[in-house]
Amino acid sequence: MRVESEFRQGKANIALKFDGYYVWDTSVIRVKNKYYMFVSRWKKELGFGWNWLFHSQIVLAVSDYPEGPYKFEKVIFERRGKKFFDGMNTHNPSIKYFNGKFYLYYMGCTYDFDPPKHEYEITPEMVYPTWYSKRIGLAISDKIDGEYIRKDEPILLPRKGNYWDSGITTNPAPVIFDNGETFLLYKSKIFDTKMDASNPLKVGVAHANHPEGPYERYYDEPILDEPGSAYEDPYIWFDKNKKRFCVLLKDCTGSVGGEYGDLLYAESEDCKHFYFGESPRLISRHITWVDGHKSHQCNLERPCLLFDESGVPTHLFCASGSGDEPYFFKEETYILCIKLERKNNHENE
């Protein structure tokens, strides 16, 4: 089947940044005449490093315009105790609406020691068990800016045994149909005690008849599992015109898009078998800003799309930062908003 996006990368602006905080992960939704952004953050004084794993909290910011600026509204999740799977850290928000309720998917983790006071205190003995405690959670609210009630158990667990997804469940990316049927993409890898770099990150699919679950594996194998590839940060939607599932993925090796950190585009008719087109890279780390200047970003992570009333994607949001190499930021991170431009008809011929 032919696979090609109808859109291309437009100009970018900074939609959100917080003084005194690193920000990461984002999910944006329009409710009436306002735009609500769920984002994870932690105090800048702690350092970047692994602190997203120990100190992240999910907060809400609001704007009158899709491109921002977004202003802090409230903290969504505080720490709730080491006994909970998500009791010490929350990250990876993904907000969806269905049948009068708002569903906030996220990753939570816990640990049994005191929170490190700076990245220099973090040791491998702290990282490994915490990283492997990552699980997908779900919280529900009647109002977009109301109280989100968390489930006390994860909605999707790693599989026991020698499966590709025996390590973690994280990076939740749901798409909910009008009848409540929900497909959930997630990231995982084989469990190993040292987080071996040769053990690649992969993306799988779970399914439920309702956004609350219960969820079961929809496909036993990871999607787009070519040798030498590794992916994370999926975002999925259903294109009603094409009658296909569409997905964005971060290229963790550069083997598909050509450069580490590209955002790749693929399609599927069954949400099991996904295919890239001839030009799989949709978004590059080479950015043109609204004022015309250009830059090469460190990272483009955790993409999220905003759609107009007809279901057409108009804006792409992602975590980013200025700097020469991935994760080597020049002092700050922020949420980037990239406008999507529709290609001319002859470009799709």
C-alpha atoms as a PDB file:
ATOM      1  CA  MET A   1       0.000   0.000   0.000  1.00  0.00           C
ATOM      2  CA  ARG A   2       1.139   3.532  -0.681  1.00  0.00           C
ATOM      3  CA  VAL A   3       2.135   5.496   2.419  1.00  0.00           C
ATOM      4  CA  GLU A   4       2.677   9.242   2.404  1.00  0.00           C
ATOM      5  CA  SER A   5       1.720  12.049   4.732  1.00  0.00           C
ATOM      6  CA  GLU A   6      -0.380  14.888   3.337  1.00  0.00           C
ATOM      7  CA  PHE A   7       1.532  17.337   5.502  1.00  0.00           C
ATOM      8  CA  ARG A   8       5.014  18.708   5.891  1.00  0.00           C
ATOM      9  CA  GLN A   9       6.979  20.542   8.518  1.00  0.00           C
ATOM     10  CA  GLY A  10       6.228  24.241   8.880  1.00  0.00           C
ATOM     11  CA  LYS A  11       7.638  26.944  11.122  1.00  0.00           C
ATOM     12  CA  ALA A  12       8.098  26.605  14.860  1.00  0.00           C
ATOM     13  CA  ASN A  13       7.733  28.633  18.030  1.00  0.00           C
ATOM     14  CA  ILE A  14       8.185  28.006  21.751  1.00  0.00           C
ATOM     15  CA  ALA A  15       4.740  27.223  23.148  1.00  0.00           C
ATOM     16  CA  LEU A  16       5.730  26.781  26.792  1.00  0.00           C
ATOM     17  CA  LYS A  17       8.670  27.083  29.134  1.00  0.00           C
ATOM     18  CA  PHE A  18       8.813  27.478  32.894  1.00  0.00           C
ATOM     19  CA  ASP A  19      11.364  29.555  34.768  1.00  0.00           C
ATOM     20  CA  GLY A  20      13.191  27.313  37.216  1.00  0.00           C
ATOM     21  CA  TYR A  21      11.974  24.043  35.669  1.00  0.00           C
ATOM     22  CA  TYR A  22      12.894  21.601  32.979  1.00  0.00           C
ATOM     23  CA  VAL A  23       9.816  20.580  30.971  1.00  0.00           C
ATOM     24  CA  TRP A  24       9.365  17.345  29.020  1.00  0.00           C
ATOM     25  CA  ASP A  25       6.486  15.422  27.473  1.00  0.00           C
ATOM     26  CA  THR A  26       3.375  17.149  26.312  1.00  0.00           C
ATOM     27  CA  SER A  27      -0.223  16.474  25.337  1.00  0.00           C
ATOM     28  CA  VAL A  28      -2.585  19.189  24.108  1.00  0.00           C
ATOM     29  CA  ILE A  29      -6.368  19.195  23.735  1.00  0.00           C
ATOM     30  CA  ARG A  30      -8.889  21.870  22.769  1.00  0.00           C
ATOM     31  CA  VAL A  31     -11.930  22.298  25.008  1.00  0.00           C
ATOM     32  CA  LYS A  32     -14.414  24.942  23.844  1.00  0.00           C
ATOM     33  CA  ASN A  33     -12.332  28.053  23.115  1.00  0.00           C
ATOM     34  CA  LYS A  34      -9.199  27.190  25.116  1.00  0.00           C
ATOM     35  CA  TYR A  35      -6.205  24.905  24.725  1.00  0.00           C
ATOM     36  CA  TYR A  36      -5.020  22.725  27.584  1.00  0.00           C
ATOM     37  CA  MET A  37      -1.502  21.337  27.747  1.00  0.00           C
ATOM     38  CA  PHE A  38      -0.499  18.546  30.112  1.00  0.00           C
ATOM     39  CA  VAL A  39       3.251  18.533  30.580  1.00  0.00           C
ATOM     40  CA  SER A  40       5.815  16.961  32.891  1.00  0.00           C
ATOM     41  CA  ARG A  41       8.364  19.071  34.751  1.00  0.00           C
ATOM     42  CA  TRP A  42      10.955  19.009  37.534  1.00  0.00           C
ATOM     43  CA  LYS A  43      13.043  21.667  39.249  1.00  0.00           C
ATOM     44  CA  LYS A  44      16.016  22.887  37.262  1.00  0.00           C
ATOM     45  CA  GLU A  45      18.212  23.019  40.344  1.00  0.00           C
ATOM     46  CA  LEU A  46      18.116  19.210  40.445  1.00  0.00           C
ATOM     47  CA  GLY A  47      19.811  18.937  37.055  1.00  0.00           C
ATOM     48  CA  PHE A  48      18.601  17.186  33.928  1.00  0.00           C
ATOM     49  CA  GLY A  49      20.272  13.773  33.825  1.00  0.00           C
ATOM     50  CA  TRP A  50      18.031  11.025  35.189  1.00  0.00           C
ATOM     51  CA  ASN A  51      15.854  13.349  37.241  1.00  0.00           C
ATOM     52  CA  TRP A  52      12.859  12.832  34.961  1.00  0.00           C
ATOM     53  CA  LEU A  53      12.811   9.351  36.521  1.00  0.00           C
ATOM     54  CA  PHE A  54      12.859  10.546  40.145  1.00  0.00           C
ATOM     55  CA  HIS A  55      11.320  14.033  40.331  1.00  0.00           C
ATOM     56  CA  SER A  56       8.897  14.495  37.432  1.00  0.00           C
ATOM     57  CA  GLN A  57       5.360  15.692  38.081  1.00  0.00           C
ATOM     58  CA  ILE A  58       2.535  16.279  35.617  1.00  0.00           C
ATOM     59  CA  VAL A  59       1.073  19.792  35.501  1.00  0.00           C
ATOM     60  CA  LEU A  60      -1.531  21.656  33.455  1.00  0.00           C
ATOM     61  CA  ALA A  61      -0.997  24.838  31.419  1.00  0.00           C
ATOM     62  CA  VAL A  62      -3.613  26.803  29.437  1.00  0.00           C
ATOM     63  CA  SER A  63      -3.639  29.121  26.421  1.00  0.00           C
ATOM     64  CA  ASP A  64      -6.163  31.012  24.299  1.00  0.00           C
ATOM     65  CA  TYR A  65      -4.203  30.057  21.188  1.00  0.00           C
ATOM     66  CA  PRO A  66      -2.950  26.698  19.911  1.00  0.00           C
ATOM     67  CA  GLU A  67       0.620  27.913  19.515  1.00  0.00           C
ATOM     68  CA  GLY A  68       0.633  29.454  22.994  1.00  0.00           C
ATOM     69  CA  PRO A  69       2.065  30.896  25.078  1.00  0.00           C
ATOM     70  CA  TYR A  70       0.757  28.412  27.657  1.00  0.00           C
ATOM     71  CA  LYS A  71       0.590  29.546  31.273  1.00  0.00           C
ATOM     72  CA  PHE A  72       0.818  27.345  34.356  1.00  0.00           C
ATOM     73  CA  GLU A  73      -2.576  26.439  35.801  1.00  0.00           C
ATOM     74  CA  LYS A  74      -2.133  23.699  38.421  1.00  0.00           C
ATOM     75  CA  VAL A  75      -0.258  20.584  39.479  1.00  0.00           C
ATOM     76  CA  ILE A  76      -2.167  17.456  38.434  1.00  0.00           C
ATOM     77  CA  PHE A  77      -0.259  14.790  40.390  1.00  0.00           C
ATOM     78  CA  GLU A  78       1.719  15.102  43.603  1.00  0.00           C
ATOM     79  CA  ARG A  79       3.734  12.214  45.052  1.00  0.00           C
ATOM     80  CA  ARG A  80       1.389   9.808  46.814  1.00  0.00           C
ATOM     81  CA  GLY A  81       3.735   7.329  48.482  1.00  0.00           C
ATOM     82  CA  LYS A  82       6.215   4.581  47.717  1.00  0.00           C
ATOM     83  CA  LYS A  83       3.636   1.805  48.034  1.00  0.00           C
ATOM     84  CA  PHE A  84       1.891   2.889  44.816  1.00  0.00           C
ATOM     85  CA  PHE A  85       3.251   1.930  41.410  1.00  0.00           C
ATOM     86  CA  ASP A  86       3.202   5.642  40.475  1.00  0.00           C
ATOM     87  CA  GLY A  87       3.764   6.967  43.959  1.00  0.00           C
ATOM     88  CA  MET A  88       7.116   8.711  43.500  1.00  0.00           C
ATOM     89  CA  ASN A  89       7.121   9.925  39.903  1.00  0.00           C
ATOM     90  CA  THR A  90       4.681  10.681  37.057  1.00  0.00           C
ATOM     91  CA  HIS A  91       5.640  11.373  33.444  1.00  0.00           C
ATOM     92  CA  ASN A  92       4.497  10.897  29.803  1.00  0.00           C
ATOM     93  CA  PRO A  93       0.977  12.470  29.914  1.00  0.00           C
ATOM     94  CA  SER A  94      -1.490  11.788  27.105  1.00  0.00           C
ATOM     95  CA  ILE A  95      -4.937  13.390  27.412  1.00  0.00           C
ATOM     96  CA  LYS A  96      -8.052  12.114  25.597  1.00  0.00           C
ATOM     97  CA  TYR A  97     -11.799  12.844  25.756  1.00  0.00           C
ATOM     98  CA  PHE A  98     -14.585  10.280  25.509  1.00  0.00           C
ATOM     99  CA  ASN A  99     -18.270  10.377  26.375  1.00  0.00           C
ATOM    100  CA  GLY A 100     -18.195  13.246  28.868  1.00  0.00           C
ATOM    101  CA  LYS A 101     -14.953  12.320  30.647  1.00  0.00           C
ATOM    102  CA  PHE A 102     -11.280  13.154  30.262  1.00  0.00           C
ATOM    103  CA  TYR A 103      -8.809  10.280  30.301  1.00  0.00           C
ATOM    104  CA  LEU A 104      -5.233  11.048  31.287  1.00  0.00           C
ATOM    105  CA  TYR A 105      -2.827   8.244  30.421  1.00  0.00           C
ATOM    106  CA  TYR A 106       0.676   8.494  31.856  1.00  0.00           C
ATOM    107  CA  MET A 107       3.721   6.612  33.087  1.00  0.00           C
ATOM    108  CA  GLY A 108       4.317   6.185  36.807  1.00  0.00           C
ATOM    109  CA  CYS A 109       7.163   4.664  38.788  1.00  0.00           C
ATOM    110  CA  THR A 110       8.308   4.257  42.369  1.00  0.00           C
ATOM    111  CA  TYR A 111      11.433   3.597  44.425  1.00  0.00           C
ATOM    112  CA  ASP A 112      12.219   2.737  48.040  1.00  0.00           C
ATOM    113  CA  PHE A 113      14.895   5.355  48.837  1.00  0.00           C
ATOM    114  CA  ASP A 114      14.828   9.078  49.482  1.00  0.00           C
ATOM    115  CA  PRO A 115      14.583  11.266  46.359  1.00  0.00           C
ATOM    116  CA  PRO A 116      18.076  12.292  45.175  1.00  0.00           C
ATOM    117  CA  LYS A 117      18.852  15.958  45.787  1.00  0.00           C
ATOM    118  CA  HIS A 118      20.894  16.414  42.600  1.00  0.00           C
ATOM    119  CA  GLU A 119      21.800  14.420  39.488  1.00  0.00           C
ATOM    120  CA  TYR A 120      25.307  13.879  40.898  1.00  0.00           C
ATOM    121  CA  GLU A 121      23.823  11.734  43.671  1.00  0.00           C
ATOM    122  CA  ILE A 122      22.134   9.342  41.237  1.00  0.00           C
ATOM    123  CA  THR A 123      23.854   5.959  40.933  1.00  0.00           C
ATOM    124  CA  PRO A 124      23.222   2.996  38.607  1.00  0.00           C
ATOM    125  CA  GLU A 125      21.885   1.076  41.621  1.00  0.00           C
ATOM    126  CA  MET A 126      19.149   3.726  41.864  1.00  0.00           C
ATOM    127  CA  VAL A 127      18.450   4.000  38.134  1.00  0.00           C
ATOM    128  CA  TYR A 128      18.036   0.356  37.123  1.00  0.00           C
ATOM    129  CA  PRO A 129      15.242  -0.754  39.484  1.00  0.00           C
ATOM    130  CA  THR A 130      13.417   2.567  39.134  1.00  0.00           C
ATOM    131  CA  TRP A 131      13.590   2.511  35.336  1.00  0.00           C
ATOM    132  CA  TYR A 132      12.223  -1.027  35.311  1.00  0.00           C
ATOM    133  CA  SER A 133       9.354  -0.049  37.614  1.00  0.00           C
ATOM    134  CA  LYS A 134       7.799   2.105  34.846  1.00  0.00           C
ATOM    135  CA  ARG A 135       4.133   1.261  34.277  1.00  0.00           C
ATOM    136  CA  ILE A 136       1.260   2.863  32.359  1.00  0.00           C
ATOM    137  CA  GLY A 137      -1.428   4.395  34.541  1.00  0.00           C
ATOM    138  CA  LEU A 138      -4.793   6.063  33.925  1.00  0.00           C
ATOM    139  CA  ALA A 139      -6.598   8.896  35.706  1.00  0.00           C
ATOM    140  CA  ILE A 140     -10.110  10.157  34.941  1.00  0.00           C
ATOM    141  CA  SER A 141     -11.861  13.507  35.455  1.00  0.00           C
ATOM    142  CA  ASP A 142     -15.260  14.978  34.654  1.00  0.00           C
ATOM    143  CA  LYS A 143     -13.631  18.355  33.899  1.00  0.00           C
ATOM    144  CA  ILE A 144     -10.530  19.141  31.883  1.00  0.00           C
ATOM    145  CA  ASP A 145      -9.118  21.220  34.746  1.00  0.00           C
ATOM    146  CA  GLY A 146     -10.719  19.195  37.532  1.00  0.00           C
ATOM    147  CA  GLU A 147      -9.394  16.521  39.866  1.00  0.00           C
ATOM    148  CA  TYR A 148      -7.992  13.451  38.112  1.00  0.00           C
ATOM    149  CA  ILE A 149      -8.678  10.251  40.029  1.00  0.00           C
ATOM    150  CA  ARG A 150      -5.901   7.736  39.540  1.00  0.00           C
ATOM    151  CA  LYS A 151      -6.373   4.017  39.337  1.00  0.00           C
ATOM    152  CA  ASP A 152      -4.291   2.257  41.987  1.00  0.00           C
ATOM    153  CA  GLU A 153      -3.040  -0.395  39.560  1.00  0.00           C
ATOM    154  CA  PRO A 154      -1.390  -0.067  36.139  1.00  0.00           C
ATOM    155  CA  ILE A 155      -3.617  -0.655  33.131  1.00  0.00           C
ATOM    156  CA  LEU A 156      -0.903  -2.609  31.301  1.00  0.00           C
ATOM    157  CA  LEU A 157       1.853  -4.746  32.823  1.00  0.00           C
ATOM    158  CA  PRO A 158       5.008  -6.181  31.228  1.00  0.00           C
ATOM    159  CA  ARG A 159       4.648  -9.784  30.191  1.00  0.00           C
ATOM    160  CA  LYS A 160       6.334 -12.432  32.268  1.00  0.00           C
ATOM    161  CA  GLY A 161       8.826 -14.598  30.458  1.00  0.00           C
ATOM    162  CA  ASN A 162      11.208 -14.085  27.574  1.00  0.00           C
ATOM    163  CA  TYR A 163       9.047 -11.628  25.661  1.00  0.00           C
ATOM    164  CA  TRP A 164      10.197  -8.458  23.928  1.00  0.00           C
ATOM    165  CA  ASP A 165       8.015  -6.433  26.334  1.00  0.00           C
ATOM    166  CA  SER A 166       9.028  -8.117  29.605  1.00  0.00           C
ATOM    167  CA  GLY A 167      10.785  -5.025  30.976  1.00  0.00           C
ATOM    168  CA  ILE A 168       8.443  -2.036  31.248  1.00  0.00           C
ATOM    169  CA  THR A 169       5.283  -0.383  29.943  1.00  0.00           C
ATOM    170  CA  THR A 170       5.586   3.318  29.178  1.00  0.00           C
ATOM    171  CA  ASN A 171       5.044   6.037  26.526  1.00  0.00           C
ATOM    172  CA  PRO A 172       1.244   5.478  26.337  1.00  0.00           C
ATOM    173  CA  ALA A 173      -0.332   6.588  23.061  1.00  0.00           C
ATOM    174  CA  PRO A 174      -4.088   5.875  22.852  1.00  0.00           C
ATOM    175  CA  VAL A 175      -6.612   6.358  20.070  1.00  0.00           C
ATOM    176  CA  ILE A 176     -10.274   6.098  21.124  1.00  0.00           C
ATOM    177  CA  PHE A 177     -13.086   5.385  18.653  1.00  0.00           C
ATOM    178  CA  ASP A 178     -16.650   6.691  18.968  1.00  0.00           C
ATOM    179  CA  ASN A 179     -17.857   3.362  20.397  1.00  0.00           C
ATOM    180  CA  GLY A 180     -15.140   3.389  23.079  1.00  0.00           C
ATOM    181  CA  GLU A 181     -12.850   0.859  21.418  1.00  0.00           C
ATOM    182  CA  THR A 182      -9.302   1.875  22.273  1.00  0.00           C
ATOM    183  CA  PHE A 183      -5.940   1.004  20.773  1.00  0.00           C
ATOM    184  CA  LEU A 184      -2.938   1.788  22.967  1.00  0.00           C
ATOM    185  CA  LEU A 185       0.623   1.958  21.708  1.00  0.00           C
ATOM    186  CA  TYR A 186       3.317   1.517  24.341  1.00  0.00           C
ATOM    187  CA  LYS A 187       7.093   1.260  24.599  1.00  0.00           C
ATOM    188  CA  SER A 188       9.008  -1.630  26.128  1.00  0.00           C
ATOM    189  CA  LYS A 189      12.103  -3.808  25.848  1.00  0.00           C
ATOM    190  CA  ILE A 190      13.355  -7.152  27.139  1.00  0.00           C
ATOM    191  CA  PHE A 191      14.155  -7.050  30.841  1.00  0.00           C
ATOM    192  CA  ASP A 192      17.859  -6.986  31.620  1.00  0.00           C
ATOM    193  CA  THR A 193      19.649  -5.960  34.785  1.00  0.00           C
ATOM    194  CA  LYS A 194      22.012  -3.421  33.211  1.00  0.00           C
ATOM    195  CA  MET A 195      19.895  -1.742  30.533  1.00  0.00           C
ATOM    196  CA  ASP A 196      22.140  -3.076  27.793  1.00  0.00           C
ATOM    197  CA  ALA A 197      22.339  -0.654  24.860  1.00  0.00           C
ATOM    198  CA  SER A 198      22.139  -3.586  22.456  1.00  0.00           C
ATOM    199  CA  ASN A 199      18.663  -4.335  23.849  1.00  0.00           C
ATOM    200  CA  PRO A 200      16.563  -1.992  21.663  1.00  0.00           C
ATOM    201  CA  LEU A 201      13.440  -0.041  22.538  1.00  0.00           C
ATOM    202  CA  LYS A 202      10.352  -1.242  20.669  1.00  0.00           C
ATOM    203  CA  VAL A 203       6.688  -0.287  20.353  1.00  0.00           C
ATOM    204  CA  GLY A 204       3.702  -2.613  20.785  1.00  0.00           C
ATOM    205  CA  VAL A 205      -0.106  -2.459  20.627  1.00  0.00           C
ATOM    206  CA  ALA A 206      -2.703  -3.187  23.310  1.00  0.00           C
ATOM    207  CA  HIS A 207      -6.488  -3.089  22.924  1.00  0.00           C
ATOM    208  CA  ALA A 208      -9.619  -2.582  25.027  1.00  0.00           C
ATOM    209  CA  ASN A 209     -13.333  -2.189  24.352  1.00  0.00           C
ATOM    210  CA  HIS A 210     -13.429   0.908  26.586  1.00  0.00           C
ATOM    211  CA  PRO A 211     -10.813   3.556  27.478  1.00  0.00           C
ATOM    212  CA  GLU A 212     -10.713   2.262  31.073  1.00  0.00           C
ATOM    213  CA  GLY A 213      -9.856  -1.261  29.907  1.00  0.00           C
ATOM    214  CA  PRO A 214      -9.228  -4.032  30.590  1.00  0.00           C
ATOM    215  CA  TYR A 215      -6.327  -3.997  28.132  1.00  0.00           C
ATOM    216  CA  GLU A 216      -4.868  -7.008  26.381  1.00  0.00           C
ATOM    217  CA  ARG A 217      -2.110  -7.367  23.823  1.00  0.00           C
ATOM    218  CA  TYR A 218      -3.570  -6.840  20.374  1.00  0.00           C
ATOM    219  CA  TYR A 219      -0.458  -8.087  18.613  1.00  0.00           C
ATOM    220  CA  ASP A 220       2.255 -10.211  20.204  1.00  0.00           C
ATOM    221  CA  GLU A 221       5.107  -8.715  18.211  1.00  0.00           C
ATOM    222  CA  PRO A 222       6.386  -5.137  18.168  1.00  0.00           C
ATOM    223  CA  ILE A 223       5.476  -2.953  15.220  1.00  0.00           C
ATOM    224  CA  LEU A 224       8.049  -1.917  12.581  1.00  0.00           C
ATOM    225  CA  ASP A 225      10.626  -4.310  14.003  1.00  0.00           C
ATOM    226  CA  GLU A 226      13.405  -4.119  11.409  1.00  0.00           C
ATOM    227  CA  PRO A 227      16.954  -5.251  12.316  1.00  0.00           C
ATOM    228  CA  GLY A 228      18.990  -2.357  13.700  1.00  0.00           C
ATOM    229  CA  SER A 229      15.953  -0.200  14.432  1.00  0.00           C
ATOM    230  CA  ALA A 230      14.713   1.188  17.731  1.00  0.00           C
ATOM    231  CA  TYR A 231      11.734   3.450  18.385  1.00  0.00           C
ATOM    232  CA  GLU A 232      10.033   5.316  21.200  1.00  0.00           C
ATOM    233  CA  ASP A 233       7.554   8.140  21.806  1.00  0.00           C
ATOM    234  CA  PRO A 234       4.724   6.910  19.560  1.00  0.00           C
ATOM    235  CA  TYR A 235       1.697   9.041  18.732  1.00  0.00           C
ATOM    236  CA  ILE A 236      -1.255   7.386  16.994  1.00  0.00           C
ATOM    237  CA  TRP A 237      -4.472   8.614  15.355  1.00  0.00           C
ATOM    238  CA  PHE A 238      -7.033   7.254  12.908  1.00  0.00           C
ATOM    239  CA  ASP A 239      -7.437   9.014   9.563  1.00  0.00           C
ATOM    240  CA  LYS A 240     -11.124   8.646   8.648  1.00  0.00           C
ATOM    241  CA  ASN A 241     -10.526   9.625   5.022  1.00  0.00           C
ATOM    242  CA  LYS A 242      -7.778   7.074   4.467  1.00  0.00           C
ATOM    243  CA  LYS A 243      -9.399   4.580   6.854  1.00  0.00           C
ATOM    244  CA  ARG A 244      -5.974   3.904   8.265  1.00  0.00           C
ATOM    245  CA  PHE A 245      -4.125   4.159  11.543  1.00  0.00           C
ATOM    246  CA  CYS A 246      -1.341   6.742  11.355  1.00  0.00           C
ATOM    247  CA  VAL A 247       1.612   6.865  13.702  1.00  0.00           C
ATOM    248  CA  LEU A 248       4.555   9.113  14.528  1.00  0.00           C
ATOM    249  CA  LEU A 249       7.654   7.579  16.104  1.00  0.00           C
ATOM    250  CA  LYS A 250      11.008   8.860  17.247  1.00  0.00           C
ATOM    251  CA  ASP A 251      13.856   7.184  15.352  1.00  0.00           C
ATOM    252  CA  CYS A 252      16.318   6.157  18.084  1.00  0.00           C
ATOM    253  CA  THR A 253      19.076   5.032  15.719  1.00  0.00           C
ATOM    254  CA  GLY A 254      18.716   7.121  12.563  1.00  0.00           C
ATOM    255  CA  SER A 255      18.545   3.917  10.525  1.00  0.00           C
ATOM    256  CA  VAL A 256      15.199   4.847   8.944  1.00  0.00           C
ATOM    257  CA  GLY A 257      14.971   8.636   8.800  1.00  0.00           C
ATOM    258  CA  GLY A 258      18.658   9.285   8.303  1.00  0.00           C
ATOM    259  CA  GLU A 259      19.423  11.045  11.587  1.00  0.00           C
ATOM    260  CA  TYR A 260      18.920  10.235  15.243  1.00  0.00           C
ATOM    261  CA  GLY A 261      15.779  11.814  16.639  1.00  0.00           C
ATOM    262  CA  ASP A 262      13.821  12.215  13.413  1.00  0.00           C
ATOM    263  CA  LEU A 263      10.060  11.878  13.776  1.00  0.00           C
ATOM    264  CA  LEU A 264       8.920   9.161  11.387  1.00  0.00           C
ATOM    265  CA  TYR A 265       5.510   8.610   9.803  1.00  0.00           C
ATOM    266  CA  ALA A 266       3.907   5.217   9.117  1.00  0.00           C
ATOM    267  CA  GLU A 267       0.441   3.829   8.375  1.00  0.00           C
ATOM    268  CA  SER A 268      -1.525   0.647   9.013  1.00  0.00           C
ATOM    269  CA  GLU A 269      -4.892  -0.785   7.999  1.00  0.00           C
ATOM    270  CA  ASP A 270      -5.140  -3.148  10.986  1.00  0.00           C
ATOM    271  CA  CYS A 271      -3.041  -1.517  13.757  1.00  0.00           C
ATOM    272  CA  LYS A 272      -0.697  -4.511  13.609  1.00  0.00           C
ATOM    273  CA  HIS A 273       1.284  -4.201  10.410  1.00  0.00           C
ATOM    274  CA  PHE A 274       2.642  -0.685   9.912  1.00  0.00           C
ATOM    275  CA  TYR A 275       4.514   0.521   6.854  1.00  0.00           C
ATOM    276  CA  PHE A 276       6.818   3.422   6.095  1.00  0.00           C
ATOM    277  CA  GLY A 277       6.673   5.262   2.786  1.00  0.00           C
ATOM    278  CA  GLU A 278       9.571   6.195   0.523  1.00  0.00           C
ATOM    279  CA  SER A 279      10.254   9.266   2.669  1.00  0.00           C
ATOM    280  CA  PRO A 280       9.459   8.209   6.252  1.00  0.00           C
ATOM    281  CA  ARG A 281      10.845  11.319   7.963  1.00  0.00           C
ATOM    282  CA  LEU A 282       8.024  13.789   8.638  1.00  0.00           C
ATOM    283  CA  ILE A 283       9.753  16.107  11.119  1.00  0.00           C
ATOM    284  CA  SER A 284      13.482  16.865  11.284  1.00  0.00           C
ATOM    285  CA  ARG A 285      15.544  18.330  14.122  1.00  0.00           C
ATOM    286  CA  HIS A 286      16.495  21.065  11.636  1.00  0.00           C
ATOM    287  CA  ILE A 287      13.956  23.757  12.551  1.00  0.00           C
ATOM    288  CA  THR A 288      12.843  26.967  10.850  1.00  0.00           C
ATOM    289  CA  TRP A 289      11.381  29.419  13.350  1.00  0.00           C
ATOM    290  CA  VAL A 290       8.528  31.858  12.814  1.00  0.00           C
ATOM    291  CA  ASP A 291      11.010  34.744  12.650  1.00  0.00           C
ATOM    292  CA  GLY A 292      12.903  33.004   9.835  1.00  0.00           C
ATOM    293  CA  HIS A 293      16.056  31.882  11.619  1.00  0.00           C
ATOM    294  CA  LYS A 294      17.088  28.237  11.594  1.00  0.00           C
ATOM    295  CA  SER A 295      18.502  25.898  14.210  1.00  0.00           C
ATOM    296  CA  HIS A 296      19.438  22.268  14.775  1.00  0.00           C
ATOM    297  CA  GLN A 297      17.666  21.099  17.921  1.00  0.00           C
ATOM    298  CA  CYS A 298      19.123  18.663  20.448  1.00  0.00           C
ATOM    299  CA  ASN A 299      15.953  16.644  20.620  1.00  0.00           C
ATOM    300  CA  LEU A 300      12.389  16.372  19.407  1.00  0.00           C
ATOM    301  CA  GLU A 301      10.665  14.076  21.879  1.00  0.00           C
ATOM    302  CA  ARG A 302       7.190  12.820  22.753  1.00  0.00           C
ATOM    303  CA  PRO A 303       5.264  14.273  19.768  1.00  0.00           C
ATOM    304  CA  CYS A 304       1.605  15.222  20.077  1.00  0.00           C
ATOM    305  CA  LEU A 305      -0.787  16.487  17.409  1.00  0.00           C
ATOM    306  CA  LEU A 306      -3.613  18.995  17.632  1.00  0.00           C
ATOM    307  CA  PHE A 307      -6.511  18.575  15.183  1.00  0.00           C
ATOM    308  CA  ASP A 308      -9.100  20.971  13.814  1.00  0.00           C
ATOM    309  CA  GLU A 309     -12.852  20.258  14.008  1.00  0.00           C
ATOM    310  CA  SER A 310     -12.742  18.177  10.816  1.00  0.00           C
ATOM    311  CA  GLY A 311     -10.010  15.912  12.177  1.00  0.00           C
ATOM    312  CA  VAL A 312      -7.126  17.425  10.207  1.00  0.00           C
ATOM    313  CA  PRO A 313      -3.837  17.804  12.119  1.00  0.00           C
ATOM    314  CA  THR A 314      -2.742  21.443  12.330  1.00  0.00           C
ATOM    315  CA  HIS A 315       0.004  21.650  14.978  1.00  0.00           C
ATOM    316  CA  LEU A 316       2.659  19.316  16.310  1.00  0.00           C
ATOM    317  CA  PHE A 317       4.023  19.728  19.834  1.00  0.00           C
ATOM    318  CA  CYS A 318       7.137  18.126  21.266  1.00  0.00           C
ATOM    319  CA  ALA A 319       9.740  18.527  23.985  1.00  0.00           C
ATOM    320  CA  SER A 320      12.910  20.166  22.752  1.00  0.00           C
ATOM    321  CA  GLY A 321      15.916  22.265  23.638  1.00  0.00           C
ATOM    322  CA  SER A 322      18.707  24.216  22.001  1.00  0.00           C
ATOM    323  CA  GLY A 323      22.144  22.601  21.827  1.00  0.00           C
ATOM    324  CA  ASP A 324      24.597  20.757  19.622  1.00  0.00           C
ATOM    325  CA  GLU A 325      24.063  17.151  20.720  1.00  0.00           C
ATOM    326  CA  PRO A 326      21.093  15.115  22.006  1.00  0.00           C
ATOM    327  CA  TYR A 327      20.380  15.826  25.693  1.00  0.00           C
ATOM    328  CA  PHE A 328      23.140  18.466  25.915  1.00  0.00           C
ATOM    329  CA  PHE A 329      20.899  21.463  26.420  1.00  0.00           C
ATOM    330  CA  LYS A 330      21.937  25.080  26.585  1.00  0.00           C
ATOM    331  CA  GLU A 331      20.408  25.712  30.003  1.00  0.00           C
ATOM    332  CA  GLU A 332      16.719  25.100  29.281  1.00  0.00           C
ATOM    333  CA  THR A 333      14.128  22.873  27.706  1.00  0.00           C
ATOM    334  CA  TYR A 334      10.756  23.904  26.326  1.00  0.00           C
ATOM    335  CA  ILE A 335       7.722  22.678  24.444  1.00  0.00           C
ATOM    336  CA  LEU A 336       8.004  23.372  20.750  1.00  0.00           C
ATOM    337  CA  CYS A 337       4.990  23.984  18.507  1.00  0.00           C
ATOM    338  CA  ILE A 338       5.458  23.246  14.804  1.00  0.00           C
ATOM    339  CA  LYS A 339       2.725  24.246  12.371  1.00  0.00           C
ATOM    340  CA  LEU A 340       1.872  21.608   9.800  1.00  0.00           C
ATOM    341  CA  GLU A 341       1.499  22.696   6.197  1.00  0.00           C
ATOM    342  CA  ARG A 342      -0.652  20.784   3.729  1.00  0.00           C
ATOM    343  CA  LYS A 343       1.284  19.697   0.657  1.00  0.00           C
ATOM    344  CA  ASN A 344       0.199  20.839  -2.782  1.00  0.00           C
ATOM    345  CA  ASN A 345      -1.774  18.212  -4.665  1.00  0.00           C
ATOM    346  CA  HIS A 346       1.008  17.639  -7.198  1.00  0.00           C
ATOM    347  CA  GLU A 347       3.432  16.820  -4.363  1.00  0.00           C
ATOM    348  CA  ASN A 348       1.357  13.752  -3.507  1.00  0.00           C
ATOM    349  CA  GLU A 349       1.157  12.462  -7.074  1.00  0.00           C
END
